[in-house]
N, C-alpha and C. Protein backbone atom coordinates (compact mmCIF):
# COMPACT_ATOMS: atom_id res chain seq x y z
N MET A 1 26.06 21.94 -13.81
CA MET A 1 25.72 21.18 -12.64
C MET A 1 24.18 20.73 -12.90
N SER A 2 23.72 19.73 -12.20
CA SER A 2 22.35 19.00 -12.19
C SER A 2 21.62 19.49 -11.29
N GLU A 3 20.40 19.58 -11.20
CA GLU A 3 19.47 20.01 -10.59
C GLU A 3 19.47 19.49 -9.41
N SER A 4 20.26 18.18 -8.90
CA SER A 4 20.44 17.58 -7.89
C SER A 4 21.65 17.99 -6.85
N CYS A 5 22.03 19.16 -7.47
CA CYS A 5 23.35 19.51 -6.37
C CYS A 5 22.58 20.81 -5.53
N LYS A 6 23.25 20.77 -4.68
CA LYS A 6 23.11 21.92 -3.42
C LYS A 6 23.24 23.12 -3.85
N SER A 7 22.45 23.94 -2.97
CA SER A 7 22.43 25.59 -3.56
C SER A 7 24.12 26.24 -2.90
N THR A 8 24.68 25.37 -2.37
CA THR A 8 26.18 25.78 -1.65
C THR A 8 26.97 25.02 -2.57
N CYS A 9 27.11 24.32 -3.54
CA CYS A 9 27.85 23.77 -4.42
C CYS A 9 28.63 24.96 -5.31
N ARG A 10 29.81 24.65 -5.27
CA ARG A 10 30.67 25.46 -6.14
C ARG A 10 30.49 25.03 -7.77
N SER A 11 30.14 26.12 -8.43
CA SER A 11 29.97 25.72 -9.83
C SER A 11 31.27 25.92 -10.65
N PRO A 12 31.41 24.95 -11.45
CA PRO A 12 32.73 25.26 -12.49
C PRO A 12 32.95 26.44 -12.96
N ARG A 13 33.83 27.31 -12.92
CA ARG A 13 33.97 28.67 -13.60
C ARG A 13 34.06 28.24 -15.25
N ILE A 14 33.33 29.28 -15.88
CA ILE A 14 33.28 29.00 -17.34
C ILE A 14 34.88 29.12 -17.94
N ASN A 15 34.92 28.36 -19.13
CA ASN A 15 36.28 28.28 -19.84
C ASN A 15 37.32 27.59 -19.02
N THR A 16 36.96 26.80 -18.17
CA THR A 16 38.17 25.94 -17.36
C THR A 16 37.65 24.78 -17.29
N ARG A 17 38.70 23.96 -17.01
CA ARG A 17 38.57 22.56 -16.94
C ARG A 17 37.95 21.73 -15.87
N GLU A 18 37.28 22.62 -14.88
CA GLU A 18 36.70 22.27 -13.56
C GLU A 18 35.80 21.29 -13.78
N ALA A 19 35.45 20.30 -12.99
CA ALA A 19 34.68 19.18 -12.97
C ALA A 19 33.89 19.08 -11.70
N HIS A 20 32.60 19.05 -11.67
CA HIS A 20 31.71 19.00 -10.39
C HIS A 20 31.16 17.59 -10.55
N CYS A 21 31.39 16.87 -9.16
CA CYS A 21 30.77 15.78 -8.77
C CYS A 21 29.48 15.80 -8.53
N THR A 22 28.24 15.48 -8.95
CA THR A 22 26.77 15.63 -8.56
C THR A 22 26.49 14.49 -7.40
N VAL A 23 27.68 13.72 -6.82
CA VAL A 23 27.45 12.72 -6.13
C VAL A 23 28.04 13.31 -4.68
N CYS A 24 29.23 13.54 -4.52
CA CYS A 24 29.68 14.12 -3.21
C CYS A 24 29.85 15.59 -3.26
N HIS A 25 29.30 16.23 -4.43
CA HIS A 25 29.32 17.79 -4.48
C HIS A 25 30.69 18.60 -4.32
N LYS A 26 31.51 18.09 -4.90
CA LYS A 26 32.85 18.56 -4.74
C LYS A 26 33.34 18.98 -6.05
N THR A 27 33.87 20.03 -6.13
CA THR A 27 34.42 20.61 -7.54
C THR A 27 36.05 20.30 -7.79
N PHE A 28 36.34 19.71 -8.83
CA PHE A 28 37.67 19.67 -8.95
C PHE A 28 38.44 20.47 -10.01
N SER A 29 39.55 20.58 -9.85
CA SER A 29 40.35 21.40 -10.60
C SER A 29 40.85 20.98 -12.22
N GLY A 30 40.25 19.89 -12.32
CA GLY A 30 40.24 19.25 -13.78
C GLY A 30 39.57 17.72 -13.68
N PRO A 31 39.32 17.37 -14.81
CA PRO A 31 38.74 16.28 -15.18
C PRO A 31 39.65 15.18 -14.66
N THR A 32 40.84 15.18 -14.44
CA THR A 32 41.56 13.94 -14.03
C THR A 32 41.57 13.86 -12.69
N TRP A 33 41.58 14.90 -12.11
CA TRP A 33 41.31 14.70 -10.59
C TRP A 33 39.58 14.12 -10.10
N PHE A 34 38.83 14.58 -11.07
CA PHE A 34 37.43 14.08 -10.92
C PHE A 34 37.48 12.39 -10.98
N ASP A 35 38.21 12.07 -11.99
CA ASP A 35 38.00 10.67 -12.60
C ASP A 35 38.70 9.91 -11.41
N VAL A 36 40.03 10.34 -10.81
CA VAL A 36 40.76 9.74 -9.87
C VAL A 36 39.81 9.51 -8.72
N HIS A 37 39.16 10.47 -8.20
CA HIS A 37 38.17 10.33 -7.14
C HIS A 37 37.14 9.46 -7.01
N ARG A 38 36.45 8.93 -8.29
CA ARG A 38 35.49 8.01 -8.41
C ARG A 38 36.34 6.62 -8.67
N VAL A 39 35.88 5.78 -7.93
CA VAL A 39 36.54 4.41 -7.79
C VAL A 39 35.42 3.43 -7.78
N ARG A 40 35.20 2.69 -8.89
CA ARG A 40 34.05 1.73 -8.88
C ARG A 40 32.90 2.40 -8.28
N GLY A 41 32.64 3.44 -8.90
CA GLY A 41 31.41 4.01 -8.75
C GLY A 41 31.10 4.65 -7.36
N ASN A 42 32.17 4.88 -6.61
CA ASN A 42 31.99 5.50 -5.31
C ASN A 42 33.08 6.62 -5.14
N CYS A 43 32.91 7.58 -4.46
CA CYS A 43 33.54 8.86 -4.14
C CYS A 43 34.79 8.45 -3.37
N GLU A 44 35.93 8.82 -3.47
CA GLU A 44 37.13 8.34 -2.83
C GLU A 44 37.71 9.97 -2.49
N GLU A 45 38.56 9.70 -1.36
CA GLU A 45 39.31 11.02 -1.02
C GLU A 45 40.80 10.70 -2.05
N VAL A 46 41.23 11.85 -2.28
CA VAL A 46 42.56 11.75 -3.34
C VAL A 46 43.47 12.41 -2.83
N PRO A 47 44.56 11.74 -2.27
CA PRO A 47 45.78 11.89 -1.62
C PRO A 47 46.41 13.20 -2.32
N GLY A 48 46.80 14.33 -1.88
CA GLY A 48 47.54 15.54 -2.16
C GLY A 48 46.68 16.59 -2.47
N LEU A 49 45.25 16.15 -2.77
CA LEU A 49 44.36 17.42 -2.91
C LEU A 49 43.65 18.21 -1.88
N VAL A 50 43.94 19.48 -1.71
CA VAL A 50 43.19 20.29 -0.61
C VAL A 50 42.25 21.28 -1.21
N GLU A 51 41.31 21.54 -0.25
CA GLU A 51 40.12 22.35 -0.57
C GLU A 51 40.13 23.75 -0.23
N LEU A 52 40.03 24.62 -1.27
CA LEU A 52 39.94 26.19 -0.80
C LEU A 52 39.07 26.99 -1.84
N ASP A 53 38.35 27.46 -1.11
CA ASP A 53 37.08 28.12 -1.68
C ASP A 53 36.14 27.24 -2.45
N GLY A 54 36.30 26.08 -2.06
CA GLY A 54 35.49 25.19 -2.71
C GLY A 54 35.96 24.28 -3.96
N LEU A 55 37.21 24.36 -3.97
CA LEU A 55 38.02 23.82 -5.31
C LEU A 55 39.00 22.97 -4.56
N TRP A 56 38.69 21.85 -5.03
CA TRP A 56 39.79 20.62 -4.81
C TRP A 56 40.89 20.72 -5.90
N ALA A 57 42.13 20.78 -5.22
CA ALA A 57 43.16 21.14 -6.32
C ALA A 57 44.54 20.51 -5.34
N THR A 58 45.75 20.57 -6.00
CA THR A 58 46.96 20.30 -5.47
C THR A 58 47.44 21.73 -4.67
N LYS A 59 48.07 21.86 -3.78
CA LYS A 59 48.67 22.84 -3.23
C LYS A 59 49.22 24.03 -4.37
N GLU A 60 49.89 23.29 -5.14
CA GLU A 60 50.56 24.22 -6.05
C GLU A 60 49.50 24.87 -7.08
N ARG A 61 48.82 24.03 -7.61
CA ARG A 61 47.54 24.80 -8.27
C ARG A 61 47.00 26.08 -7.44
N HIS A 62 46.39 25.92 -6.37
CA HIS A 62 45.79 26.89 -5.60
C HIS A 62 46.98 28.07 -5.33
N ARG A 63 48.19 27.77 -5.09
CA ARG A 63 49.43 28.91 -5.14
C ARG A 63 49.15 29.65 -6.44
N ASN A 64 49.26 29.03 -7.61
CA ASN A 64 49.35 29.58 -8.86
C ASN A 64 47.78 30.19 -9.23
N ASN A 65 46.94 29.76 -8.69
CA ASN A 65 45.66 30.59 -8.89
C ASN A 65 45.76 32.00 -7.84
N VAL A 66 46.20 31.87 -6.93
CA VAL A 66 46.49 33.22 -5.83
C VAL A 66 47.38 33.96 -6.62
N LYS A 67 48.41 33.62 -7.21
CA LYS A 67 49.19 34.52 -7.93
C LYS A 67 48.93 35.12 -9.10
N LEU A 68 47.99 34.43 -9.77
CA LEU A 68 47.09 35.00 -11.06
C LEU A 68 46.44 35.94 -10.74
N ALA A 69 45.58 35.57 -9.52
CA ALA A 69 44.42 36.63 -9.15
C ALA A 69 45.23 38.12 -8.63
N GLU A 70 46.41 37.99 -7.82
CA GLU A 70 47.14 39.11 -7.43
C GLU A 70 47.58 39.89 -8.50
N GLY A 71 47.89 39.20 -9.77
CA GLY A 71 48.53 39.71 -10.80
C GLY A 71 47.48 40.42 -11.68
N MET A 72 46.37 39.99 -11.94
CA MET A 72 45.03 40.47 -12.23
C MET A 72 44.35 41.69 -11.62
N ALA A 73 44.77 41.46 -10.27
CA ALA A 73 44.12 42.80 -9.46
C ALA A 73 45.21 43.98 -9.62
N GLU A 74 46.52 43.59 -9.64
CA GLU A 74 47.72 44.81 -10.04
C GLU A 74 47.33 45.50 -11.35
N ILE A 75 47.14 44.67 -12.36
CA ILE A 75 46.89 45.15 -13.58
C ILE A 75 45.55 46.15 -13.59
N ARG A 76 44.52 45.64 -12.94
CA ARG A 76 43.28 46.54 -12.88
C ARG A 76 43.75 47.99 -12.12
N ARG A 77 44.42 47.77 -11.11
CA ARG A 77 44.97 48.88 -10.31
C ARG A 77 45.53 49.73 -11.02
N LEU A 78 46.46 49.24 -11.72
CA LEU A 78 47.51 50.24 -12.90
C LEU A 78 46.50 50.89 -13.96
N ARG A 79 45.53 50.10 -14.27
CA ARG A 79 44.95 50.58 -15.46
C ARG A 79 43.89 51.85 -14.84
N GLU A 80 43.32 51.83 -13.56
CA GLU A 80 42.86 52.82 -12.96
C GLU A 80 43.38 53.93 -12.62
N GLU A 81 44.93 54.03 -12.43
CA GLU A 81 45.34 55.07 -12.02
C GLU A 81 45.59 56.24 -13.08
N PRO A 82 45.42 57.45 -12.49
CA PRO A 82 45.62 58.35 -13.59
C PRO A 82 47.04 58.53 -14.01
N GLU A 83 47.47 58.99 -15.04
CA GLU A 83 48.76 59.06 -15.54
C GLU A 83 49.59 60.39 -15.09
């Protein structure tokens, strides 16, 4: 992110395809959505995208992220359980 970003901006996670707009300060789930939101140099709303925890993505993408997080939490829990 550039120095012009707000301290409240969501930084793209490392090793992801997330893209942050330094104009409107939204972080998108990928460069395609970032490109779609920029129209002739202006930021536009993208139909079908919703914001969750600072990330703009499709509802399906958010559901998959939640499932992945739940699965990772379960793996950590199982690793910590004594045998």
